[in-house]
Amino acid sequence: MTTAPKRVALATDEWLSLEDIAEELAVPVRSVYSWRSQGVAPKGYKIGKHVRVKRSDFHAWLERRADEPRVGAA
């Protein structure tokens, strides 16, 4: 009796371009490129000539930049 090979389900994650990120944040694309050159942009993956960012990495990057509530702020 043979068994079928098990298939591993890969987690799927949407890929964003730097232009997508700029659009979501309502900032110029050049700002996103500048953040990359400064080393402060979300982790990107170079695919040929293109850079792509996983949506989950983008959201994690945003969460790390959230402002802390100010004491006494309403």
PDB file of N, CA and C in Angstrom:
ATOM      1  N   MET A   1       0.844  -1.192   0.000  1.00  0.00           N
ATOM      2  CA  MET A   1       0.000   0.000   0.000  1.00  0.00           C
ATOM      3  C   MET A   1       0.882   1.247   0.000  1.00  0.00           C
ATOM      4  N   THR A   2       0.637   2.138  -0.935  1.00  0.00           N
ATOM      5  CA  THR A   2       1.417   3.376  -0.992  1.00  0.00           C
ATOM      6  C   THR A   2       0.545   4.526  -0.524  1.00  0.00           C
ATOM      7  N   THR A   3       1.197   5.480   0.045  1.00  0.00           N
ATOM      8  CA  THR A   3       0.463   6.666   0.495  1.00  0.00           C
ATOM      9  C   THR A   3       0.860   7.847  -0.375  1.00  0.00           C
ATOM     10  N   ALA A   4      -0.082   8.718  -0.575  1.00  0.00           N
ATOM     11  CA  ALA A   4       0.182   9.918  -1.372  1.00  0.00           C
ATOM     12  C   ALA A   4       1.101  10.844  -0.578  1.00  0.00           C
ATOM     13  N   PRO A   5       2.003  11.529  -1.247  1.00  0.00           N
ATOM     14  CA  PRO A   5       2.869  12.461  -0.532  1.00  0.00           C
ATOM     15  C   PRO A   5       2.042  13.570   0.106  1.00  0.00           C
ATOM     16  N   LYS A   6       2.467  13.974   1.286  1.00  0.00           N
ATOM     17  CA  LYS A   6       1.760  15.061   1.975  1.00  0.00           C
ATOM     18  C   LYS A   6       2.121  16.384   1.323  1.00  0.00           C
ATOM     19  N   ARG A   7       1.136  17.205   1.176  1.00  0.00           N
ATOM     20  CA  ARG A   7       1.373  18.543   0.627  1.00  0.00           C
ATOM     21  C   ARG A   7       1.441  19.527   1.781  1.00  0.00           C
ATOM     22  N   VAL A   8       2.410  20.358   1.721  1.00  0.00           N
ATOM     23  CA  VAL A   8       2.560  21.386   2.749  1.00  0.00           C
ATOM     24  C   VAL A   8       1.885  22.645   2.243  1.00  0.00           C
ATOM     25  N   ALA A   9       0.961  23.152   3.023  1.00  0.00           N
ATOM     26  CA  ALA A   9       0.285  24.389   2.654  1.00  0.00           C
ATOM     27  C   ALA A   9       1.197  25.556   3.008  1.00  0.00           C
ATOM     28  N   LEU A  10       1.543  26.347   2.014  1.00  0.00           N
ATOM     29  CA  LEU A  10       2.373  27.511   2.252  1.00  0.00           C
ATOM     30  C   LEU A  10       1.493  28.685   2.646  1.00  0.00           C
ATOM     31  N   ALA A  11       1.968  29.443   3.601  1.00  0.00           N
ATOM     32  CA  ALA A  11       1.224  30.634   4.000  1.00  0.00           C
ATOM     33  C   ALA A  11       1.262  31.625   2.838  1.00  0.00           C
ATOM     34  N   THR A  12       0.137  32.175   2.536  1.00  0.00           N
ATOM     35  CA  THR A  12       0.103  33.158   1.466  1.00  0.00           C
ATOM     36  C   THR A  12       0.098  34.544   2.084  1.00  0.00           C
ATOM     37  N   ASP A  13       0.762  35.446   1.443  1.00  0.00           N
ATOM     38  CA  ASP A  13       0.856  36.815   1.908  1.00  0.00           C
ATOM     39  C   ASP A  13       0.896  37.691   0.667  1.00  0.00           C
ATOM     40  N   GLU A  14       0.145  38.742   0.684  1.00  0.00           N
ATOM     41  CA  GLU A  14       0.118  39.637  -0.467  1.00  0.00           C
ATOM     42  C   GLU A  14       1.439  40.396  -0.562  1.00  0.00           C
ATOM     43  N   TRP A  15       1.915  40.589  -1.777  1.00  0.00           N
ATOM     44  CA  TRP A  15       3.133  41.344  -2.017  1.00  0.00           C
ATOM     45  C   TRP A  15       2.778  42.762  -2.431  1.00  0.00           C
ATOM     46  N   LEU A  16       3.460  43.739  -1.874  1.00  0.00           N
ATOM     47  CA  LEU A  16       3.241  45.146  -2.192  1.00  0.00           C
ATOM     48  C   LEU A  16       4.468  45.715  -2.882  1.00  0.00           C
ATOM     49  N   SER A  17       4.244  46.584  -3.840  1.00  0.00           N
ATOM     50  CA  SER A  17       5.355  47.329  -4.439  1.00  0.00           C
ATOM     51  C   SER A  17       5.590  48.572  -3.574  1.00  0.00           C
ATOM     52  N   LEU A  18       6.696  49.234  -3.816  1.00  0.00           N
ATOM     53  CA  LEU A  18       6.959  50.472  -3.077  1.00  0.00           C
ATOM     54  C   LEU A  18       5.925  51.534  -3.437  1.00  0.00           C
ATOM     55  N   GLU A  19       5.430  51.465  -4.657  1.00  0.00           N
ATOM     56  CA  GLU A  19       4.371  52.385  -5.073  1.00  0.00           C
ATOM     57  C   GLU A  19       3.073  52.108  -4.298  1.00  0.00           C
ATOM     58  N   ASP A  20       2.771  50.818  -4.064  1.00  0.00           N
ATOM     59  CA  ASP A  20       1.589  50.457  -3.274  1.00  0.00           C
ATOM     60  C   ASP A  20       1.696  51.024  -1.861  1.00  0.00           C
ATOM     61  N   ILE A  21       2.884  50.907  -1.277  1.00  0.00           N
ATOM     62  CA  ILE A  21       3.100  51.396   0.085  1.00  0.00           C
ATOM     63  C   ILE A  21       2.918  52.905   0.133  1.00  0.00           C
ATOM     64  N   ALA A  22       3.497  53.609  -0.834  1.00  0.00           N
ATOM     65  CA  ALA A  22       3.340  55.064  -0.884  1.00  0.00           C
ATOM     66  C   ALA A  22       1.871  55.450  -0.996  1.00  0.00           C
ATOM     67  N   GLU A  23       1.143  54.724  -1.824  1.00  0.00           N
ATOM     68  CA  GLU A  23      -0.289  55.013  -2.001  1.00  0.00           C
ATOM     69  C   GLU A  23      -1.054  54.773  -0.697  1.00  0.00           C
ATOM     70  N   GLU A  24      -0.779  53.668  -0.017  1.00  0.00           N
ATOM     71  CA  GLU A  24      -1.487  53.373   1.241  1.00  0.00           C
ATOM     72  C   GLU A  24      -1.206  54.410   2.310  1.00  0.00           C
ATOM     73  N   LEU A  25       0.021  54.942   2.324  1.00  0.00           N
ATOM     74  CA  LEU A  25       0.395  55.922   3.347  1.00  0.00           C
ATOM     75  C   LEU A  25       0.144  57.359   2.906  1.00  0.00           C
ATOM     76  N   ALA A  26      -0.276  57.533   1.649  1.00  0.00           N
ATOM     77  CA  ALA A  26      -0.516  58.866   1.087  1.00  0.00           C
ATOM     78  C   ALA A  26       0.733  59.739   1.202  1.00  0.00           C
ATOM     79  N   VAL A  27       1.878  59.151   0.802  1.00  0.00           N
ATOM     80  CA  VAL A  27       3.147  59.876   0.775  1.00  0.00           C
ATOM     81  C   VAL A  27       3.747  59.722  -0.621  1.00  0.00           C
ATOM     82  N   PRO A  28       4.666  60.607  -0.982  1.00  0.00           N
ATOM     83  CA  PRO A  28       5.314  60.453  -2.291  1.00  0.00           C
ATOM     84  C   PRO A  28       6.147  59.167  -2.353  1.00  0.00           C
ATOM     85  N   VAL A  29       6.215  58.567  -3.526  1.00  0.00           N
ATOM     86  CA  VAL A  29       7.006  57.352  -3.715  1.00  0.00           C
ATOM     87  C   VAL A  29       8.460  57.616  -3.353  1.00  0.00           C
ATOM     88  N   ARG A  30       8.949  58.818  -3.652  1.00  0.00           N
ATOM     89  CA  ARG A  30      10.350  59.121  -3.343  1.00  0.00           C
ATOM     90  C   ARG A  30      10.617  59.051  -1.840  1.00  0.00           C
ATOM     91  N   SER A  31       9.608  59.277  -1.008  1.00  0.00           N
ATOM     92  CA  SER A  31       9.789  59.133   0.445  1.00  0.00           C
ATOM     93  C   SER A  31      10.072  57.686   0.806  1.00  0.00           C
ATOM     94  N   VAL A  32       9.356  56.760   0.189  1.00  0.00           N
ATOM     95  CA  VAL A  32       9.554  55.342   0.464  1.00  0.00           C
ATOM     96  C   VAL A  32      10.956  54.915   0.017  1.00  0.00           C
ATOM     97  N   TYR A  33      11.388  55.384  -1.162  1.00  0.00           N
ATOM     98  CA  TYR A  33      12.747  55.081  -1.628  1.00  0.00           C
ATOM     99  C   TYR A  33      13.786  55.687  -0.683  1.00  0.00           C
ATOM    100  N   SER A  34      13.519  56.870  -0.185  1.00  0.00           N
ATOM    101  CA  SER A  34      14.428  57.520   0.762  1.00  0.00           C
ATOM    102  C   SER A  34      14.518  56.710   2.056  1.00  0.00           C
ATOM    103  N   TRP A  35      13.378  56.231   2.542  1.00  0.00           N
ATOM    104  CA  TRP A  35      13.390  55.398   3.760  1.00  0.00           C
ATOM    105  C   TRP A  35      14.228  54.153   3.542  1.00  0.00           C
ATOM    106  N   ARG A  36      14.126  53.561   2.330  1.00  0.00           N
ATOM    107  CA  ARG A  36      14.944  52.374   2.026  1.00  0.00           C
ATOM    108  C   ARG A  36      16.430  52.705   2.075  1.00  0.00           C
ATOM    109  N   SER A  37      16.818  53.837   1.487  1.00  0.00           N
ATOM    110  CA  SER A  37      18.239  54.198   1.471  1.00  0.00           C
ATOM    111  C   SER A  37      18.742  54.520   2.879  1.00  0.00           C
ATOM    112  N   GLN A  38      17.848  54.961   3.757  1.00  0.00           N
ATOM    113  CA  GLN A  38      18.209  55.251   5.148  1.00  0.00           C
ATOM    114  C   GLN A  38      18.139  54.005   6.036  1.00  0.00           C
ATOM    115  N   GLY A  39      17.599  52.918   5.498  1.00  0.00           N
ATOM    116  CA  GLY A  39      17.485  51.681   6.264  1.00  0.00           C
ATOM    117  C   GLY A  39      16.328  51.649   7.238  1.00  0.00           C
ATOM    118  N   VAL A  40      15.308  52.477   7.016  1.00  0.00           N
ATOM    119  CA  VAL A  40      14.170  52.525   7.936  1.00  0.00           C
ATOM    120  C   VAL A  40      12.849  52.063   7.302  1.00  0.00           C
ATOM    121  N   ALA A  41      12.888  51.603   6.071  1.00  0.00           N
ATOM    122  CA  ALA A  41      11.678  51.121   5.386  1.00  0.00           C
ATOM    123  C   ALA A  41      11.385  49.690   5.822  1.00  0.00           C
ATOM    124  N   PRO A  42      10.181  49.205   5.542  1.00  0.00           N
ATOM    125  CA  PRO A  42       9.895  47.800   5.838  1.00  0.00           C
ATOM    126  C   PRO A  42      10.817  46.880   5.041  1.00  0.00           C
ATOM    127  N   LYS A  43      11.032  45.688   5.578  1.00  0.00           N
ATOM    128  CA  LYS A  43      11.909  44.716   4.927  1.00  0.00           C
ATOM    129  C   LYS A  43      11.394  44.426   3.520  1.00  0.00           C
ATOM    130  N   GLY A  44      12.288  44.552   2.541  1.00  0.00           N
ATOM    131  CA  GLY A  44      11.918  44.309   1.155  1.00  0.00           C
ATOM    132  C   GLY A  44      12.671  43.134   0.574  1.00  0.00           C
ATOM    133  N   TYR A  45      12.130  42.601  -0.494  1.00  0.00           N
ATOM    134  CA  TYR A  45      12.732  41.485  -1.214  1.00  0.00           C
ATOM    135  C   TYR A  45      12.981  41.932  -2.640  1.00  0.00           C
ATOM    136  N   LYS A  46      14.209  41.819  -3.089  1.00  0.00           N
ATOM    137  CA  LYS A  46      14.570  42.208  -4.450  1.00  0.00           C
ATOM    138  C   LYS A  46      14.239  41.049  -5.385  1.00  0.00           C
ATOM    139  N   ILE A  47      13.319  41.288  -6.298  1.00  0.00           N
ATOM    140  CA  ILE A  47      12.903  40.301  -7.291  1.00  0.00           C
ATOM    141  C   ILE A  47      13.286  40.878  -8.656  1.00  0.00           C
ATOM    142  N   GLY A  48      14.437  40.443  -9.171  1.00  0.00           N
ATOM    143  CA  GLY A  48      14.939  41.048 -10.404  1.00  0.00           C
ATOM    144  C   GLY A  48      15.234  42.513 -10.155  1.00  0.00           C
ATOM    145  N   LYS A  49      14.612  43.382 -10.942  1.00  0.00           N
ATOM    146  CA  LYS A  49      14.797  44.827 -10.773  1.00  0.00           C
ATOM    147  C   LYS A  49      13.784  45.428  -9.790  1.00  0.00           C
ATOM    148  N   HIS A  50      12.882  44.619  -9.280  1.00  0.00           N
ATOM    149  CA  HIS A  50      11.775  45.124  -8.476  1.00  0.00           C
ATOM    150  C   HIS A  50      11.960  44.808  -6.999  1.00  0.00           C
ATOM    151  N   VAL A  51      11.394  45.659  -6.155  1.00  0.00           N
ATOM    152  CA  VAL A  51      11.385  45.424  -4.710  1.00  0.00           C
ATOM    153  C   VAL A  51       9.947  45.161  -4.308  1.00  0.00           C
ATOM    154  N   ARG A  52       9.749  44.114  -3.533  1.00  0.00           N
ATOM    155  CA  ARG A  52       8.417  43.782  -3.026  1.00  0.00           C
ATOM    156  C   ARG A  52       8.498  43.610  -1.514  1.00  0.00           C
ATOM    157  N   VAL A  53       7.406  43.955  -0.852  1.00  0.00           N
ATOM    158  CA  VAL A  53       7.298  43.877   0.605  1.00  0.00           C
ATOM    159  C   VAL A  53       6.076  43.040   0.934  1.00  0.00           C
ATOM    160  N   LYS A  54       6.228  42.097   1.846  1.00  0.00           N
ATOM    161  CA  LYS A  54       5.060  41.325   2.294  1.00  0.00           C
ATOM    162  C   LYS A  54       4.144  42.253   3.084  1.00  0.00           C
ATOM    163  N   ARG A  55       2.850  42.118   2.843  1.00  0.00           N
ATOM    164  CA  ARG A  55       1.892  42.963   3.570  1.00  0.00           C
ATOM    165  C   ARG A  55       2.050  42.785   5.078  1.00  0.00           C
ATOM    166  N   SER A  56       2.299  41.568   5.534  1.00  0.00           N
ATOM    167  CA  SER A  56       2.457  41.341   6.975  1.00  0.00           C
ATOM    168  C   SER A  56       3.691  42.073   7.516  1.00  0.00           C
ATOM    169  N   ASP A  57       4.777  42.133   6.733  1.00  0.00           N
ATOM    170  CA  ASP A  57       5.964  42.891   7.150  1.00  0.00           C
ATOM    171  C   ASP A  57       5.671  44.385   7.179  1.00  0.00           C
ATOM    172  N   PHE A  58       4.880  44.838   6.205  1.00  0.00           N
ATOM    173  CA  PHE A  58       4.494  46.253   6.156  1.00  0.00           C
ATOM    174  C   PHE A  58       3.682  46.633   7.396  1.00  0.00           C
ATOM    175  N   HIS A  59       2.710  45.804   7.755  1.00  0.00           N
ATOM    176  CA  HIS A  59       1.884  46.109   8.922  1.00  0.00           C
ATOM    177  C   HIS A  59       2.696  46.041  10.216  1.00  0.00           C
ATOM    178  N   ALA A  60       3.609  45.091  10.316  1.00  0.00           N
ATOM    179  CA  ALA A  60       4.478  44.994  11.500  1.00  0.00           C
ATOM    180  C   ALA A  60       5.356  46.241  11.605  1.00  0.00           C
ATOM    181  N   TRP A  61       5.873  46.694  10.485  1.00  0.00           N
ATOM    182  CA  TRP A  61       6.702  47.903  10.446  1.00  0.00           C
ATOM    183  C   TRP A  61       5.890  49.112  10.914  1.00  0.00           C
ATOM    184  N   LEU A  62       4.646  49.221  10.461  1.00  0.00           N
ATOM    185  CA  LEU A  62       3.785  50.328  10.897  1.00  0.00           C
ATOM    186  C   LEU A  62       3.535  50.270  12.403  1.00  0.00           C
ATOM    187  N   GLU A  63       3.261  49.080  12.915  1.00  0.00           N
ATOM    188  CA  GLU A  63       2.992  48.937  14.353  1.00  0.00           C
ATOM    189  C   GLU A  63       4.183  49.372  15.194  1.00  0.00           C
ATOM    190  N   ARG A  64       5.397  49.092  14.731  1.00  0.00           N
ATOM    191  CA  ARG A  64       6.596  49.491  15.472  1.00  0.00           C
ATOM    192  C   ARG A  64       6.773  50.999  15.481  1.00  0.00           C
ATOM    193  N   ARG A  65       6.108  51.698  14.593  1.00  0.00           N
ATOM    194  CA  ARG A  65       6.218  53.154  14.516  1.00  0.00           C
ATOM    195  C   ARG A  65       5.039  53.885  15.141  1.00  0.00           C
ATOM    196  N   ALA A  66       4.157  53.168  15.779  1.00  0.00           N
ATOM    197  CA  ALA A  66       2.988  53.807  16.391  1.00  0.00           C
ATOM    198  C   ALA A  66       3.429  54.729  17.525  1.00  0.00           C
ATOM    199  N   ASP A  67       2.793  55.877  17.599  1.00  0.00           N
ATOM    200  CA  ASP A  67       3.066  56.818  18.696  1.00  0.00           C
ATOM    201  C   ASP A  67       2.560  56.237  20.005  1.00  0.00           C
ATOM    202  N   GLU A  68       3.334  56.449  21.047  1.00  0.00           N
ATOM    203  CA  GLU A  68       2.878  56.077  22.384  1.00  0.00           C
ATOM    204  C   GLU A  68       1.929  57.165  22.865  1.00  0.00           C
ATOM    205  N   PRO A  69       0.863  56.779  23.584  1.00  0.00           N
ATOM    206  CA  PRO A  69      -0.047  57.802  24.106  1.00  0.00           C
ATOM    207  C   PRO A  69       0.700  58.736  25.055  1.00  0.00           C
ATOM    208  N   ARG A  70       0.396  59.994  24.960  1.00  0.00           N
ATOM    209  CA  ARG A  70       1.024  60.979  25.849  1.00  0.00           C
ATOM    210  C   ARG A  70       0.269  61.016  27.166  1.00  0.00           C
ATOM    211  N   VAL A  71       1.002  61.221  28.228  1.00  0.00           N
ATOM    212  CA  VAL A  71       0.373  61.338  29.552  1.00  0.00           C
ATOM    213  C   VAL A  71      -0.436  62.622  29.565  1.00  0.00           C
ATOM    214  N   GLY A  72      -1.686  62.524  29.988  1.00  0.00           N
ATOM    215  CA  GLY A  72      -2.555  63.697  30.055  1.00  0.00           C
ATOM    216  C   GLY A  72      -3.236  64.036  28.742  1.00  0.00           C
ATOM    217  N   ALA A  73      -2.978  63.261  27.697  1.00  0.00           N
ATOM    218  CA  ALA A  73      -3.618  63.538  26.415  1.00  0.00           C
ATOM    219  C   ALA A  73      -5.032  62.982  26.432  1.00  0.00           C
ATOM    220  N   ALA A  74      -5.931  63.679  25.780  1.00  0.00           N
ATOM    221  CA  ALA A  74      -7.325  63.218  25.759  1.00  0.00           C
ATOM    222  C   ALA A  74      -7.536  62.166  24.732  1.00  0.00           C
TER     223      ALA A  74
END
